[in-house]
C-alpha atoms as a PDB file:
ATOM      1  CA  MET A   1      37.965 -33.835  58.126  1.00  0.00           C
ATOM      2  CA  GLU A   2      40.317 -31.052  57.102  1.00  0.00           C
ATOM      3  CA  ILE A   3      39.037 -27.721  55.760  1.00  0.00           C
ATOM      4  CA  ARG A   4      41.586 -25.870  53.638  1.00  0.00           C
ATOM      5  CA  VAL A   5      41.518 -22.470  51.931  1.00  0.00           C
ATOM      6  CA  LEU A   6      43.367 -23.031  48.662  1.00  0.00           C
ATOM      7  CA  LYS A   7      46.287 -20.856  47.588  1.00  0.00           C
ATOM      8  CA  ALA A   8      48.915 -20.760  44.846  1.00  0.00           C
ATOM      9  CA  GLY A   9      50.548 -24.176  44.727  1.00  0.00           C
ATOM     10  CA  ASP A  10      47.257 -26.016  45.400  1.00  0.00           C
ATOM     11  CA  GLU A  11      46.401 -26.324  41.695  1.00  0.00           C
ATOM     12  CA  ALA A  12      46.265 -30.145  41.756  1.00  0.00           C
ATOM     13  CA  LEU A  13      43.878 -30.057  44.710  1.00  0.00           C
ATOM     14  CA  LEU A  14      41.657 -27.465  43.009  1.00  0.00           C
ATOM     15  CA  MET A  15      41.613 -29.536  39.823  1.00  0.00           C
ATOM     16  CA  ALA A  16      40.706 -32.681  41.796  1.00  0.00           C
ATOM     17  CA  ALA A  17      37.901 -30.885  43.662  1.00  0.00           C
ATOM     18  CA  VAL A  18      36.414 -29.441  40.472  1.00  0.00           C
ATOM     19  CA  ASP A  19      36.747 -32.751  38.636  1.00  0.00           C
ATOM     20  CA  HIS A  20      35.192 -34.796  41.461  1.00  0.00           C
ATOM     21  CA  LEU A  21      32.579 -32.408  42.838  1.00  0.00           C
ATOM     22  CA  ALA A  22      31.702 -29.471  40.606  1.00  0.00           C
ATOM     23  CA  GLU A  23      29.371 -29.493  37.641  1.00  0.00           C
ATOM     24  CA  GLU A  24      32.028 -27.583  35.729  1.00  0.00           C
ATOM     25  CA  GLY A  25      35.248 -29.018  34.462  1.00  0.00           C
ATOM     26  CA  PRO A  26      37.566 -30.539  33.883  1.00  0.00           C
ATOM     27  CA  LEU A  27      39.791 -27.684  34.982  1.00  0.00           C
ATOM     28  CA  THR A  28      43.132 -27.234  33.223  1.00  0.00           C
ATOM     29  CA  GLN A  29      46.382 -26.547  35.068  1.00  0.00           C
ATOM     30  CA  GLN A  30      46.520 -23.091  33.465  1.00  0.00           C
ATOM     31  CA  ALA A  31      42.955 -22.230  34.537  1.00  0.00           C
ATOM     32  CA  ALA A  32      43.633 -23.499  38.069  1.00  0.00           C
ATOM     33  CA  THR A  33      46.773 -21.346  38.291  1.00  0.00           C
ATOM     34  CA  ARG A  34      44.845 -18.251  37.114  1.00  0.00           C
ATOM     35  CA  HIS A  35      42.006 -18.978  39.540  1.00  0.00           C
ATOM     36  CA  LEU A  36      44.307 -19.310  42.549  1.00  0.00           C
ATOM     37  CA  ALA A  37      46.295 -16.196  41.565  1.00  0.00           C
ATOM     38  CA  ASP A  38      43.140 -14.044  41.675  1.00  0.00           C
ATOM     39  CA  THR A  39      42.882 -12.667  45.215  1.00  0.00           C
ATOM     40  CA  ASP A  40      39.191 -11.882  44.710  1.00  0.00           C
ATOM     41  CA  LEU A  41      38.354 -15.570  44.188  1.00  0.00           C
ATOM     42  CA  VAL A  42      38.281 -17.808  47.242  1.00  0.00           C
ATOM     43  CA  SER A  43      38.240 -21.594  47.039  1.00  0.00           C
ATOM     44  CA  VAL A  44      37.789 -23.830  50.063  1.00  0.00           C
ATOM     45  CA  VAL A  45      37.988 -27.604  49.999  1.00  0.00           C
ATOM     46  CA  ALA A  46      36.971 -30.175  52.602  1.00  0.00           C
ATOM     47  CA  LEU A  47      39.242 -33.217  52.633  1.00  0.00           C
ATOM     48  CA  GLU A  48      38.638 -36.658  54.068  1.00  0.00           C
ATOM     49  CA  ASP A  49      41.779 -38.821  53.899  1.00  0.00           C
ATOM     50  CA  GLN A  50      43.242 -36.277  51.431  1.00  0.00           C
ATOM     51  CA  VAL A  51      40.276 -36.758  49.048  1.00  0.00           C
ATOM     52  CA  PRO A  52      38.080 -33.713  48.251  1.00  0.00           C
ATOM     53  CA  VAL A  53      34.579 -34.284  49.653  1.00  0.00           C
ATOM     54  CA  GLY A  54      33.417 -30.661  49.749  1.00  0.00           C
ATOM     55  CA  PHE A  55      34.149 -27.584  47.670  1.00  0.00           C
ATOM     56  CA  VAL A  56      33.035 -23.969  48.016  1.00  0.00           C
ATOM     57  CA  TYR A  57      34.125 -21.066  45.890  1.00  0.00           C
ATOM     58  CA  GLY A  58      33.106 -17.472  45.727  1.00  0.00           C
ATOM     59  CA  HIS A  59      34.077 -13.877  45.062  1.00  0.00           C
ATOM     60  CA  VAL A  60      35.220 -11.172  47.458  1.00  0.00           C
ATOM     61  CA  LEU A  61      33.576  -7.823  46.771  1.00  0.00           C
ATOM     62  CA  ARG A  62      35.364  -4.922  48.403  1.00  0.00           C
ATOM     63  CA  ARG A  63      33.073  -1.966  48.906  1.00  0.00           C
ATOM     64  CA  PHE A  64      33.552   1.359  50.665  1.00  0.00           C
ATOM     65  CA  GLU A  65      31.724   0.494  53.868  1.00  0.00           C
ATOM     66  CA  LYS A  66      32.388  -3.252  54.080  1.00  0.00           C
ATOM     67  CA  THR A  67      33.638  -6.318  52.279  1.00  0.00           C
ATOM     68  CA  SER A  68      31.184  -8.985  51.149  1.00  0.00           C
ATOM     69  CA  PHE A  69      31.717 -12.567  50.061  1.00  0.00           C
ATOM     70  CA  PHE A  70      29.440 -14.001  47.405  1.00  0.00           C
ATOM     71  CA  ILE A  71      29.329 -17.768  47.230  1.00  0.00           C
ATOM     72  CA  TYR A  72      29.076 -19.090  43.673  1.00  0.00           C
ATOM     73  CA  ALA A  73      28.955 -22.808  44.392  1.00  0.00           C
ATOM     74  CA  VAL A  74      28.770 -25.317  47.216  1.00  0.00           C
ATOM     75  CA  ASP A  75      29.461 -28.884  46.137  1.00  0.00           C
ATOM     76  CA  VAL A  76      29.471 -31.826  48.552  1.00  0.00           C
ATOM     77  CA  ASP A  77      30.093 -35.491  47.868  1.00  0.00           C
ATOM     78  CA  GLU A  78      26.776 -37.288  48.310  1.00  0.00           C
ATOM     79  CA  ALA A  79      28.162 -39.519  51.079  1.00  0.00           C
ATOM     80  CA  PHE A  80      28.970 -36.407  53.156  1.00  0.00           C
ATOM     81  CA  GLN A  81      25.757 -34.434  52.694  1.00  0.00           C
ATOM     82  CA  ARG A  82      23.572 -33.500  55.683  1.00  0.00           C
ATOM     83  CA  ARG A  83      26.175 -34.397  58.312  1.00  0.00           C
ATOM     84  CA  GLY A  84      26.566 -30.963  59.889  1.00  0.00           C
ATOM     85  CA  SER A  85      30.019 -30.371  58.393  1.00  0.00           C
ATOM     86  CA  PRO A  86      29.447 -26.617  57.740  1.00  0.00           C
ATOM     87  CA  LYS A  87      29.375 -25.962  61.489  1.00  0.00           C
ATOM     88  CA  PRO A  88      33.076 -24.914  61.551  1.00  0.00           C
ATOM     89  CA  CYS A  89      31.942 -21.785  59.689  1.00  0.00           C
ATOM     90  CA  TRP A  90      30.433 -20.545  62.951  1.00  0.00           C
ATOM     91  CA  ALA A  91      33.410 -21.488  65.126  1.00  0.00           C
ATOM     92  CA  PRO A  92      36.216 -19.072  65.992  1.00  0.00           C
ATOM     93  CA  SER A  93      39.373 -19.187  63.895  1.00  0.00           C
ATOM     94  CA  PRO A  94      41.828 -21.788  65.218  1.00  0.00           C
ATOM     95  CA  THR A  95      44.721 -19.358  64.721  1.00  0.00           C
ATOM     96  CA  SER A  96      43.277 -16.154  66.163  1.00  0.00           C
ATOM     97  CA  GLY A  97      40.471 -17.449  68.359  1.00  0.00           C
ATOM     98  CA  ALA A  98      37.923 -15.184  66.652  1.00  0.00           C
ATOM     99  CA  ARG A  99      36.621 -14.306  63.235  1.00  0.00           C
ATOM    100  CA  ALA A 100      38.201 -11.269  61.619  1.00  0.00           C
ATOM    101  CA  ALA A 101      36.461  -7.988  62.390  1.00  0.00           C
ATOM    102  CA  GLY A 102      33.758  -7.195  59.884  1.00  0.00           C
ATOM    103  CA  THR A 103      33.385 -10.753  58.620  1.00  0.00           C
ATOM    104  CA  ARG A 104      30.232 -12.734  58.904  1.00  0.00           C
ATOM    105  CA  CYS A 105      29.069 -16.153  57.913  1.00  0.00           C
ATOM    106  CA  LEU A 106      25.561 -16.290  56.524  1.00  0.00           C
ATOM    107  CA  SER A 107      23.437 -19.366  56.198  1.00  0.00           C
ATOM    108  CA  SER A 108      19.804 -20.218  55.931  1.00  0.00           C
ATOM    109  CA  PRO A 109      18.263 -23.380  57.299  1.00  0.00           C
ATOM    110  CA  THR A 110      17.541 -26.043  54.728  1.00  0.00           C
ATOM    111  CA  PRO A 111      14.687 -28.452  55.370  1.00  0.00           C
ATOM    112  CA  PRO A 112      15.555 -32.171  55.175  1.00  0.00           C
ATOM    113  CA  THR A 113      13.338 -32.453  52.122  1.00  0.00           C
ATOM    114  CA  ARG A 114      12.409 -29.720  49.722  1.00  0.00           C
ATOM    115  CA  PRO A 115       8.836 -28.540  50.205  1.00  0.00           C
ATOM    116  CA  PRO A 116       6.571 -29.084  47.216  1.00  0.00           C
ATOM    117  CA  TRP A 117       6.503 -26.196  44.799  1.00  0.00           C
ATOM    118  CA  PRO A 118       3.142 -24.471  44.487  1.00  0.00           C
ATOM    119  CA  SER A 119       1.264 -25.662  41.470  1.00  0.00           C
ATOM    120  CA  THR A 120       1.454 -23.330  38.525  1.00  0.00           C
ATOM    121  CA  PRO A 121      -1.937 -22.213  37.262  1.00  0.00           C
ATOM    122  CA  ALA A 122      -2.753 -23.124  33.697  1.00  0.00           C
ATOM    123  CA  PRO A 123      -2.255 -20.240  31.279  1.00  0.00           C
ATOM    124  CA  ALA A 124      -5.377 -18.277  30.483  1.00  0.00           C
ATOM    125  CA  ALA A 125      -7.014 -19.044  27.162  1.00  0.00           C
ATOM    126  CA  SER A 126      -5.994 -16.467  24.622  1.00  0.00           C
ATOM    127  CA  ALA A 127      -8.758 -14.330  23.277  1.00  0.00           C
ATOM    128  CA  THR A 128      -8.838 -14.142  19.523  1.00  0.00           C
ATOM    129  CA  PRO A 129     -10.697 -11.113  18.201  1.00  0.00           C
ATOM    130  CA  THR A 130     -13.563 -11.977  15.890  1.00  0.00           C
ATOM    131  CA  THR A 131     -14.421  -9.858  12.909  1.00  0.00           C
END
């Protein structure tokens, strides 16, 4: 599996990922070009045999004291779900050997099955004033 941060020139790959995985779409060439030109938008695709099987995109928020990354969507092909593929997020960068200073990767554990939602109480009977 290859994990790739998309950049200008990867429009076809972005369009394929959105078309195959995201609930949005289809994405036009013009929209893909605008998306990849925006340095505050980050798109990451997971490829298996050059086919998009995972897609994450989010927004970089630069603040005075730190920079945050807000994830908008995580889309994974059903055949690749629950296989531990996000683990590279925790690994050091292959180029530098460490994550950049000030960056962090947040995650919360997800149970194998969603717990049942608490039952919602029935609405109270409305009181109608009598005259």
